[in-house]
Amino acid sequence: MRRPTLILALPALLLGASVALAHAFLDHAVPAVGSTVHQSPAEVRLRFTEAIEAALSTARVEDAAGHTVSTGPAKADAGDRQVLVVPVSALPAGSYKVFWRVLSVDTHVTTGNFRFTVAP
């Protein structure tokens, strides 16, 4: 590639990289992705890589049989627009799956899921 072409292409490549990173991806969760906890959590906390529109985002927790164990809709953390909180009932020992769909403040939608286990 000739040097002038490379110089002209570089800004476009950098801009493309910035746009690709402008989505709210799951950064971490409590309980952690794939973890085993020894006490039922009172809630599941999902932290994303950027602020989300909580009113247009959803998350739920299901047991191994596919029954929803969330006790209400997911809500934003009052002090952090990157966190979505899902209330759950007391969870007996077993495997649970968290499903989420969030709209980031830049209007991109991302979805995902993960499992965690409650063990005595």
Protein backbone atom coordinates (compact mmCIF):
# COMPACT_ATOMS: atom_id res chain seq x y z
CA MET A 1 0.00 0.00 0.00
CA ARG A 2 1.38 3.40 -0.90
CA ARG A 3 2.08 5.83 1.94
CA PRO A 4 -0.51 8.54 0.86
CA THR A 5 -3.24 5.90 0.67
CA LEU A 6 -2.32 4.60 4.11
CA ILE A 7 -2.38 8.11 5.58
CA LEU A 8 -5.85 8.73 4.11
CA ALA A 9 -7.16 5.34 5.26
CA LEU A 10 -5.90 5.62 8.84
CA PRO A 11 -8.60 8.06 10.09
CA ALA A 12 -11.33 5.86 8.60
CA LEU A 13 -9.89 2.80 10.33
CA LEU A 14 -9.68 4.59 13.67
CA LEU A 15 -13.23 5.92 13.34
CA GLY A 16 -14.47 2.41 12.58
CA ALA A 17 -12.77 1.09 15.71
CA SER A 18 -14.47 3.74 17.83
CA VAL A 19 -17.89 2.93 16.44
CA ALA A 20 -17.38 -0.80 17.01
CA LEU A 21 -16.65 -0.15 20.69
CA ALA A 22 -19.78 1.97 21.18
CA HIS A 23 -22.03 -0.78 22.48
CA ALA A 24 -23.01 -1.70 26.02
CA PHE A 25 -21.48 -5.12 26.61
CA LEU A 26 -21.63 -6.98 29.89
CA ASP A 27 -18.52 -6.05 31.87
CA HIS A 28 -19.23 -8.17 34.94
CA ALA A 29 -22.06 -9.46 37.09
CA VAL A 30 -22.80 -10.36 40.70
CA PRO A 31 -23.06 -13.35 40.99
CA ALA A 32 -20.19 -13.61 38.53
CA VAL A 33 -20.59 -15.26 35.14
CA GLY A 34 -20.16 -19.02 35.53
CA SER A 35 -19.68 -18.80 39.29
CA THR A 36 -20.94 -20.96 42.12
CA VAL A 37 -22.28 -19.09 45.15
CA HIS A 38 -23.09 -20.69 48.49
CA GLN A 39 -25.88 -18.37 49.47
CA SER A 40 -28.84 -17.14 47.44
CA PRO A 41 -28.34 -13.59 46.19
CA ALA A 42 -31.14 -11.08 46.87
CA GLU A 43 -30.53 -9.61 43.42
CA VAL A 44 -28.46 -10.03 40.30
CA ARG A 45 -26.38 -6.99 39.33
CA LEU A 46 -25.27 -6.51 35.74
CA ARG A 47 -22.61 -3.90 34.97
CA PHE A 48 -22.17 -2.84 31.34
CA THR A 49 -19.29 -1.15 29.56
CA GLU A 50 -21.29 2.04 29.05
CA ALA A 51 -24.45 3.75 30.28
CA ILE A 52 -27.75 2.10 29.38
CA GLU A 53 -31.32 3.26 28.96
CA ALA A 54 -32.76 1.24 31.84
CA ALA A 55 -36.38 2.00 30.94
CA LEU A 56 -35.82 0.28 27.58
CA SER A 57 -33.64 -2.56 28.86
CA THR A 58 -34.69 -5.91 30.30
CA ALA A 59 -33.18 -8.76 32.26
CA ARG A 60 -34.60 -11.88 33.90
CA VAL A 61 -33.36 -14.91 35.80
CA GLU A 62 -34.64 -18.43 35.07
CA ASP A 63 -34.16 -21.71 36.91
CA ALA A 64 -33.00 -24.92 35.20
CA ALA A 65 -36.59 -25.72 34.17
CA GLY A 66 -36.94 -22.36 32.42
CA HIS A 67 -39.23 -20.79 35.04
CA THR A 68 -38.65 -17.12 35.77
CA VAL A 69 -37.41 -16.56 39.32
CA SER A 70 -37.05 -12.79 39.05
CA THR A 71 -39.49 -11.11 41.41
CA GLY A 72 -39.87 -7.94 39.38
CA PRO A 73 -38.58 -6.04 36.40
CA ALA A 74 -34.93 -5.08 36.13
CA LYS A 75 -34.20 -1.54 37.25
CA ALA A 76 -31.31 0.85 36.97
CA ASP A 77 -29.02 1.32 39.92
CA ALA A 78 -29.86 4.77 41.31
CA GLY A 79 -26.22 5.84 41.41
CA ASP A 80 -24.79 4.17 38.31
CA ARG A 81 -26.32 4.28 34.80
CA GLN A 82 -24.14 1.33 33.76
CA VAL A 83 -25.78 -1.08 36.23
CA LEU A 84 -29.03 -3.01 35.87
CA VAL A 85 -30.42 -4.77 38.97
CA VAL A 86 -32.72 -7.80 38.82
CA PRO A 87 -34.52 -8.74 42.07
CA VAL A 88 -34.87 -12.47 42.75
CA SER A 89 -36.64 -14.61 45.33
CA ALA A 90 -34.66 -16.88 47.65
CA LEU A 91 -33.04 -19.33 45.25
CA PRO A 92 -32.69 -22.97 46.24
CA ALA A 93 -29.61 -24.93 45.19
CA GLY A 94 -29.47 -25.28 41.43
CA SER A 95 -28.42 -23.75 38.14
CA TYR A 96 -29.74 -20.38 37.00
CA LYS A 97 -29.53 -18.51 33.73
CA VAL A 98 -29.61 -14.73 33.36
CA PHE A 99 -30.89 -13.25 30.11
CA TRP A 100 -30.39 -9.57 29.27
CA ARG A 101 -31.20 -7.15 26.49
CA VAL A 102 -30.01 -3.58 26.89
CA LEU A 103 -30.22 -0.39 24.92
CA SER A 104 -27.13 1.75 25.38
CA VAL A 105 -27.36 5.53 25.47
CA ASP A 106 -25.91 5.57 21.95
CA THR A 107 -29.02 3.55 20.80
CA HIS A 108 -27.28 0.22 20.17
CA VAL A 109 -28.97 -2.94 21.44
CA THR A 110 -26.97 -5.86 22.81
CA THR A 111 -28.20 -9.16 24.22
CA GLY A 112 -26.67 -12.02 26.08
CA ASN A 113 -26.98 -14.61 28.80
CA PHE A 114 -24.89 -16.45 31.34
CA ARG A 115 -25.24 -19.06 34.06
CA PHE A 116 -24.44 -19.22 37.73
CA THR A 117 -25.05 -21.91 40.32
CA VAL A 118 -26.28 -21.84 43.89
CA ALA A 119 -24.76 -24.72 45.88
CA PRO A 120 -25.10 -25.55 49.58
